[in-house]
């Protein structure tokens, strides 16, 4: 009897190629739905590629769904260069304007909670309040 585990490298190689090469089409919501379905099964080293693909989404609704699907897995894999990935993501999100950024922050809260201490989370919350006070 052949065991499944001997095929794992081939399967993961296929998934890696698919994520790296085929999920970067901003007009295709089907690709990003597939990305969301794959998110729970991606190894941590592929999550940055998945996030990069999600960043290319032009449609706000599809973008939000992709972020929602990726956030818990980014949080679970929060280690190493996760902080740099977070900063790059926030810079990208800021291009969506303040309302979009605030919505995206809520979606990415599981990831932020995994990266930040309670004190840092309080600072983020205070920064949001301060900005809202200055620019209603």
C-alpha atoms as a PDB file:
ATOM      1  CA  UNK A   1       0.000   0.000   0.000  1.00  0.00           C
ATOM      2  CA  UNK A   2       1.335   3.453  -0.974  1.00  0.00           C
ATOM      3  CA  UNK A   3       1.267   6.071   1.732  1.00  0.00           C
ATOM      4  CA  UNK A   4       0.064   9.604   0.953  1.00  0.00           C
ATOM      5  CA  UNK A   5       3.015  11.302   2.612  1.00  0.00           C
ATOM      6  CA  UNK A   6       5.385  10.293  -0.203  1.00  0.00           C
ATOM      7  CA  UNK A   7       3.398  12.565  -2.538  1.00  0.00           C
ATOM      8  CA  UNK A   8       3.448  15.570  -0.213  1.00  0.00           C
ATOM      9  CA  UNK A   9       6.525  17.234  -1.807  1.00  0.00           C
ATOM     10  CA  UNK A  10       4.931  17.034  -5.253  1.00  0.00           C
ATOM     11  CA  UNK A  11       1.623  18.424  -3.993  1.00  0.00           C
ATOM     12  CA  UNK A  12       3.291  21.287  -2.067  1.00  0.00           C
ATOM     13  CA  UNK A  13       5.507  22.045  -5.064  1.00  0.00           C
ATOM     14  CA  UNK A  14       2.405  22.329  -7.207  1.00  0.00           C
ATOM     15  CA  UNK A  15       0.641  24.565  -4.704  1.00  0.00           C
ATOM     16  CA  UNK A  16       3.754  26.750  -4.351  1.00  0.00           C
ATOM     17  CA  UNK A  17       3.951  27.233  -8.118  1.00  0.00           C
ATOM     18  CA  UNK A  18       0.244  28.012  -8.296  1.00  0.00           C
ATOM     19  CA  UNK A  19       0.400  30.630  -5.549  1.00  0.00           C
ATOM     20  CA  UNK A  20       3.595  32.238  -6.814  1.00  0.00           C
ATOM     21  CA  UNK A  21       2.639  32.391 -10.486  1.00  0.00           C
ATOM     22  CA  UNK A  22      -1.128  32.369 -10.893  1.00  0.00           C
ATOM     23  CA  UNK A  23      -2.815  34.361  -8.130  1.00  0.00           C
ATOM     24  CA  UNK A  24      -1.597  37.792  -9.176  1.00  0.00           C
ATOM     25  CA  UNK A  25      -4.431  38.787 -11.496  1.00  0.00           C
ATOM     26  CA  UNK A  26      -6.231  41.806  -9.971  1.00  0.00           C
ATOM     27  CA  UNK A  27      -9.352  41.501 -12.100  1.00  0.00           C
ATOM     28  CA  UNK A  28     -10.030  37.834 -11.348  1.00  0.00           C
ATOM     29  CA  UNK A  29     -12.107  37.376  -8.213  1.00  0.00           C
ATOM     30  CA  UNK A  30     -12.158  33.616  -8.864  1.00  0.00           C
ATOM     31  CA  UNK A  31      -8.404  33.422  -8.340  1.00  0.00           C
ATOM     32  CA  UNK A  32      -8.702  35.227  -5.046  1.00  0.00           C
ATOM     33  CA  UNK A  33     -11.564  32.987  -3.968  1.00  0.00           C
ATOM     34  CA  UNK A  34      -9.215  30.076  -4.645  1.00  0.00           C
ATOM     35  CA  UNK A  35      -6.497  31.870  -2.689  1.00  0.00           C
ATOM     36  CA  UNK A  36      -8.884  32.176   0.262  1.00  0.00           C
ATOM     37  CA  UNK A  37      -9.693  28.487   0.032  1.00  0.00           C
ATOM     38  CA  UNK A  38      -5.993  27.601  -0.010  1.00  0.00           C
ATOM     39  CA  UNK A  39      -5.053  29.945   2.853  1.00  0.00           C
ATOM     40  CA  UNK A  40      -5.671  27.433   5.664  1.00  0.00           C
ATOM     41  CA  UNK A  41      -3.431  24.911   3.922  1.00  0.00           C
ATOM     42  CA  UNK A  42      -0.480  27.109   2.950  1.00  0.00           C
ATOM     43  CA  UNK A  43       2.821  26.606   4.716  1.00  0.00           C
ATOM     44  CA  UNK A  44       4.048  29.751   6.536  1.00  0.00           C
ATOM     45  CA  UNK A  45       6.715  30.506   3.922  1.00  0.00           C
ATOM     46  CA  UNK A  46       4.015  30.907   1.241  1.00  0.00           C
ATOM     47  CA  UNK A  47       1.836  33.322   3.223  1.00  0.00           C
ATOM     48  CA  UNK A  48       3.846  36.397   2.139  1.00  0.00           C
ATOM     49  CA  UNK A  49       3.289  35.374  -1.501  1.00  0.00           C
ATOM     50  CA  UNK A  50      -0.416  34.957  -0.846  1.00  0.00           C
ATOM     51  CA  UNK A  51      -0.553  38.369   0.834  1.00  0.00           C
ATOM     52  CA  UNK A  52       1.335  39.949  -2.065  1.00  0.00           C
ATOM     53  CA  UNK A  53      -1.194  38.444  -4.460  1.00  0.00           C
ATOM     54  CA  UNK A  54      -4.045  39.750  -2.311  1.00  0.00           C
ATOM     55  CA  UNK A  55      -2.527  43.250  -2.391  1.00  0.00           C
ATOM     56  CA  UNK A  56      -3.007  43.338  -6.173  1.00  0.00           C
ATOM     57  CA  UNK A  57      -6.802  43.084  -5.879  1.00  0.00           C
ATOM     58  CA  UNK A  58      -8.460  46.162  -7.321  1.00  0.00           C
ATOM     59  CA  UNK A  59     -11.993  45.422  -6.098  1.00  0.00           C
ATOM     60  CA  UNK A  60     -12.486  46.538  -2.467  1.00  0.00           C
ATOM     61  CA  UNK A  61     -15.001  43.796  -1.633  1.00  0.00           C
ATOM     62  CA  UNK A  62     -12.766  41.044  -3.036  1.00  0.00           C
ATOM     63  CA  UNK A  63      -9.729  42.606  -1.322  1.00  0.00           C
ATOM     64  CA  UNK A  64     -11.515  42.590   2.042  1.00  0.00           C
ATOM     65  CA  UNK A  65     -12.499  38.935   1.623  1.00  0.00           C
ATOM     66  CA  UNK A  66      -8.933  37.948   0.750  1.00  0.00           C
ATOM     67  CA  UNK A  67      -7.602  39.821   3.804  1.00  0.00           C
ATOM     68  CA  UNK A  68     -10.254  38.212   6.002  1.00  0.00           C
ATOM     69  CA  UNK A  69      -9.236  34.765   4.764  1.00  0.00           C
ATOM     70  CA  UNK A  70      -5.501  35.381   5.188  1.00  0.00           C
ATOM     71  CA  UNK A  71      -5.463  37.279   8.525  1.00  0.00           C
ATOM     72  CA  UNK A  72      -5.864  34.316  10.901  1.00  0.00           C
ATOM     73  CA  UNK A  73      -3.119  32.392   9.100  1.00  0.00           C
ATOM     74  CA  UNK A  74      -0.784  35.372   9.085  1.00  0.00           C
ATOM     75  CA  UNK A  75      -1.408  35.657  12.817  1.00  0.00           C
ATOM     76  CA  UNK A  76      -0.651  31.981  13.387  1.00  0.00           C
ATOM     77  CA  UNK A  77       2.593  32.299  11.440  1.00  0.00           C
ATOM     78  CA  UNK A  78       3.632  35.603  13.049  1.00  0.00           C
ATOM     79  CA  UNK A  79       7.363  35.193  13.415  1.00  0.00           C
ATOM     80  CA  UNK A  80      10.591  36.242  11.777  1.00  0.00           C
ATOM     81  CA  UNK A  81      10.004  38.992   9.255  1.00  0.00           C
ATOM     82  CA  UNK A  82       6.283  39.276  10.087  1.00  0.00           C
ATOM     83  CA  UNK A  83       6.834  42.797  11.381  1.00  0.00           C
ATOM     84  CA  UNK A  84       8.374  43.926   8.079  1.00  0.00           C
ATOM     85  CA  UNK A  85       5.526  42.261   6.195  1.00  0.00           C
ATOM     86  CA  UNK A  86       3.031  44.068   8.455  1.00  0.00           C
ATOM     87  CA  UNK A  87       4.649  47.461   7.782  1.00  0.00           C
ATOM     88  CA  UNK A  88       4.655  46.877   4.023  1.00  0.00           C
ATOM     89  CA  UNK A  89       1.011  45.829   4.174  1.00  0.00           C
ATOM     90  CA  UNK A  90      -0.012  48.911   6.187  1.00  0.00           C
ATOM     91  CA  UNK A  91       1.760  51.203   3.727  1.00  0.00           C
ATOM     92  CA  UNK A  92      -0.112  49.532   0.884  1.00  0.00           C
ATOM     93  CA  UNK A  93      -3.432  49.765   2.742  1.00  0.00           C
ATOM     94  CA  UNK A  94      -2.939  53.467   3.439  1.00  0.00           C
ATOM     95  CA  UNK A  95      -3.316  54.096  -0.298  1.00  0.00           C
ATOM     96  CA  UNK A  96      -6.987  53.091   0.069  1.00  0.00           C
ATOM     97  CA  UNK A  97      -7.670  56.211   2.155  1.00  0.00           C
ATOM     98  CA  UNK A  98      -8.584  56.461   5.811  1.00  0.00           C
ATOM     99  CA  UNK A  99     -12.004  54.727   5.659  1.00  0.00           C
ATOM    100  CA  UNK A 100     -10.519  51.833   3.715  1.00  0.00           C
ATOM    101  CA  UNK A 101      -7.510  51.625   6.021  1.00  0.00           C
ATOM    102  CA  UNK A 102      -9.737  51.509   9.107  1.00  0.00           C
ATOM    103  CA  UNK A 103     -11.851  48.725   7.595  1.00  0.00           C
ATOM    104  CA  UNK A 104      -8.705  46.821   6.662  1.00  0.00           C
ATOM    105  CA  UNK A 105      -7.279  47.253  10.179  1.00  0.00           C
ATOM    106  CA  UNK A 106     -10.392  45.655  11.629  1.00  0.00           C
ATOM    107  CA  UNK A 107     -10.037  42.767   9.177  1.00  0.00           C
ATOM    108  CA  UNK A 108      -6.358  42.324  10.027  1.00  0.00           C
ATOM    109  CA  UNK A 109      -6.838  42.616  13.795  1.00  0.00           C
ATOM    110  CA  UNK A 110      -6.013  38.923  14.427  1.00  0.00           C
ATOM    111  CA  UNK A 111      -2.641  39.478  12.756  1.00  0.00           C
ATOM    112  CA  UNK A 112      -1.987  42.737  14.633  1.00  0.00           C
ATOM    113  CA  UNK A 113      -2.883  41.086  17.945  1.00  0.00           C
ATOM    114  CA  UNK A 114      -0.338  38.345  17.213  1.00  0.00           C
ATOM    115  CA  UNK A 115       2.389  40.905  16.467  1.00  0.00           C
ATOM    116  CA  UNK A 116       1.783  43.602  19.069  1.00  0.00           C
ATOM    117  CA  UNK A 117       1.846  43.728  22.830  1.00  0.00           C
ATOM    118  CA  UNK A 118      -1.240  44.998  24.679  1.00  0.00           C
ATOM    119  CA  UNK A 119       0.542  48.341  25.136  1.00  0.00           C
ATOM    120  CA  UNK A 120       1.240  48.611  21.403  1.00  0.00           C
ATOM    121  CA  UNK A 121      -2.379  47.753  20.601  1.00  0.00           C
ATOM    122  CA  UNK A 122      -3.473  50.548  22.947  1.00  0.00           C
ATOM    123  CA  UNK A 123      -1.118  52.929  21.120  1.00  0.00           C
ATOM    124  CA  UNK A 124      -2.628  51.951  17.758  1.00  0.00           C
ATOM    125  CA  UNK A 125      -6.134  52.526  19.122  1.00  0.00           C
ATOM    126  CA  UNK A 126      -5.107  55.916  20.518  1.00  0.00           C
ATOM    127  CA  UNK A 127      -3.512  56.893  17.201  1.00  0.00           C
ATOM    128  CA  UNK A 128      -6.766  56.088  15.379  1.00  0.00           C
ATOM    129  CA  UNK A 129      -8.715  58.230  17.881  1.00  0.00           C
ATOM    130  CA  UNK A 130      -6.208  61.102  17.555  1.00  0.00           C
ATOM    131  CA  UNK A 131      -6.369  61.080  13.759  1.00  0.00           C
ATOM    132  CA  UNK A 132     -10.174  60.988  13.857  1.00  0.00           C
ATOM    133  CA  UNK A 133     -10.142  64.029  16.159  1.00  0.00           C
ATOM    134  CA  UNK A 134      -7.840  66.012  13.853  1.00  0.00           C
ATOM    135  CA  UNK A 135      -9.491  64.994  10.568  1.00  0.00           C
ATOM    136  CA  UNK A 136     -13.124  64.070  11.172  1.00  0.00           C
END
